[in-house]
Protein backbone atom coordinates (compact mmCIF):
# COMPACT_ATOMS: atom_id res chain seq x y z
CA CYS A 1 120.22 115.08 118.63
CA SER A 2 116.90 115.58 116.65
CA VAL A 3 114.33 112.82 116.11
CA CYS A 4 113.63 112.11 112.34
CA SER A 5 109.94 112.58 111.44
CA GLY A 6 107.89 109.84 109.93
CA GLY A 7 108.81 108.85 106.32
CA THR A 8 112.44 109.29 107.11
CA TYR A 9 115.19 107.53 109.12
CA ALA A 10 118.78 107.79 110.44
CA THR A 11 121.39 105.19 111.22
CA LEU A 12 123.97 105.56 114.01
CA THR A 13 126.38 107.25 111.48
CA SER A 14 123.82 109.42 109.82
CA SER A 15 124.29 113.28 110.00
CA SER A 16 120.82 113.92 108.75
CA CYS A 17 117.43 112.12 108.11
CA ILE A 18 117.13 110.11 104.95
CA SER A 19 113.78 109.83 103.12
CA CYS A 20 112.30 106.39 102.80
CA ALA A 21 112.28 105.04 99.29
CA ALA A 22 108.98 104.41 97.44
CA GLY A 23 107.50 101.03 98.52
CA THR A 24 108.69 101.60 102.08
CA TYR A 25 107.56 103.65 105.11
CA SER A 26 108.63 104.67 108.71
CA GLY A 27 107.33 106.28 111.78
CA ASN A 28 109.04 108.98 113.96
CA GLY A 29 112.41 108.08 115.10
CA ALA A 30 113.12 105.19 112.85
CA THR A 31 116.40 103.65 112.23
CA GLY A 32 115.32 102.10 108.93
CA CYS A 33 112.25 101.95 106.68
CA SER A 34 109.79 98.98 106.50
CA THR A 35 108.61 97.30 103.33
CA CYS A 36 104.97 97.60 102.12
CA VAL A 37 103.19 94.28 101.80
CA ALA A 38 101.79 92.90 98.58
CA GLY A 39 98.40 94.56 97.97
CA SER A 40 99.70 98.04 99.12
CA PHE A 41 101.99 100.74 97.96
CA SER A 42 103.80 103.83 99.05
CA LEU A 43 105.43 106.90 97.53
CA SER A 44 108.82 108.13 98.69
CA GLY A 45 108.85 109.67 102.24
CA SER A 46 105.71 107.82 103.33
CA VAL A 47 104.55 107.21 107.00
CA SER A 48 102.44 104.31 106.03
CA CYS A 49 101.48 102.07 103.03
CA SER A 50 98.10 102.58 101.24
CA MET A 51 95.99 99.55 100.23
CA CYS A 52 95.38 99.32 96.49
CA SER A 53 91.83 100.22 95.57
CA ALA A 54 89.35 97.83 94.21
CA GLY A 55 90.13 97.02 90.51
CA THR A 56 93.86 97.35 91.06
CA PHE A 57 96.66 95.16 92.61
CA ALA A 58 100.16 95.10 93.75
CA SER A 59 101.64 91.67 93.29
CA SER A 60 104.94 92.14 95.13
CA THR A 61 106.16 93.66 98.39
CA GLY A 62 107.65 97.05 98.17
CA SER A 63 105.40 98.40 95.47
CA SER A 64 105.47 102.01 94.58
CA SER A 65 102.15 101.92 92.67
CA CYS A 66 99.18 99.61 91.89
CA GLN A 67 98.45 98.08 88.57
CA ILE A 68 95.13 98.03 86.88
CA CYS A 69 93.19 94.72 86.37
CA SER A 70 92.67 93.86 82.77
CA ALA A 71 89.36 93.25 81.18
CA GLY A 72 88.17 89.65 82.13
CA SER A 73 89.48 90.09 85.70
CA TYR A 74 88.55 92.00 88.91
CA SER A 75 89.86 92.74 92.35
CA SER A 76 88.69 93.89 95.68
CA GLY A 77 90.68 96.42 97.79
CA GLY A 78 94.10 95.42 99.01
CA ALA A 79 94.54 92.78 96.38
CA SER A 80 97.91 91.16 95.47
CA SER A 81 96.47 89.82 92.22
CA CYS A 82 93.30 90.12 90.04
CA SER A 83 90.90 87.15 89.92
CA LEU A 84 89.74 85.80 86.50
CA CYS A 85 86.01 85.93 85.97
CA PRO A 86 84.43 82.60 86.74
CA SER A 87 82.75 80.60 83.96
CA GLY A 88 79.44 82.18 82.99
CA THR A 89 80.53 85.68 84.07
CA TYR A 90 82.52 88.55 82.52
CA SER A 91 83.99 91.93 83.08
CA SER A 92 84.31 93.92 79.65
CA SER A 93 86.21 96.91 81.30
CA VAL A 94 89.53 97.42 82.85
CA GLN A 95 89.79 98.02 86.66
CA ALA A 96 86.67 96.04 87.31
CA VAL A 97 85.60 95.35 90.98
CA SER A 98 83.40 92.41 90.20
CA SER A 99 82.21 90.07 87.40
CA ALA A 100 78.75 90.22 85.84
CA VAL A 101 76.64 87.19 85.00
CA CYS A 102 76.20 86.58 81.14
């Protein structure tokens, strides 16, 4: 028997390794794939999840990509949502990483 590489898995009845779906990941010798947490994502066949970069977010578990924060909001890295700019501040561009004072 051969050990499946990271990003793939095999069950007891598998005759070959199966690639993990987008939004999931696995290490070497896995019998299943784990789901990425909110604020992170993965592509198909991944060995780990990547945190969303600042200005983006992933609101649900098992995300295959991060969404861009809209104008009037911002986020730091690994965010599961964008924060609205507090009163007296703004962000006029999409994918903002902070708000500016008026």
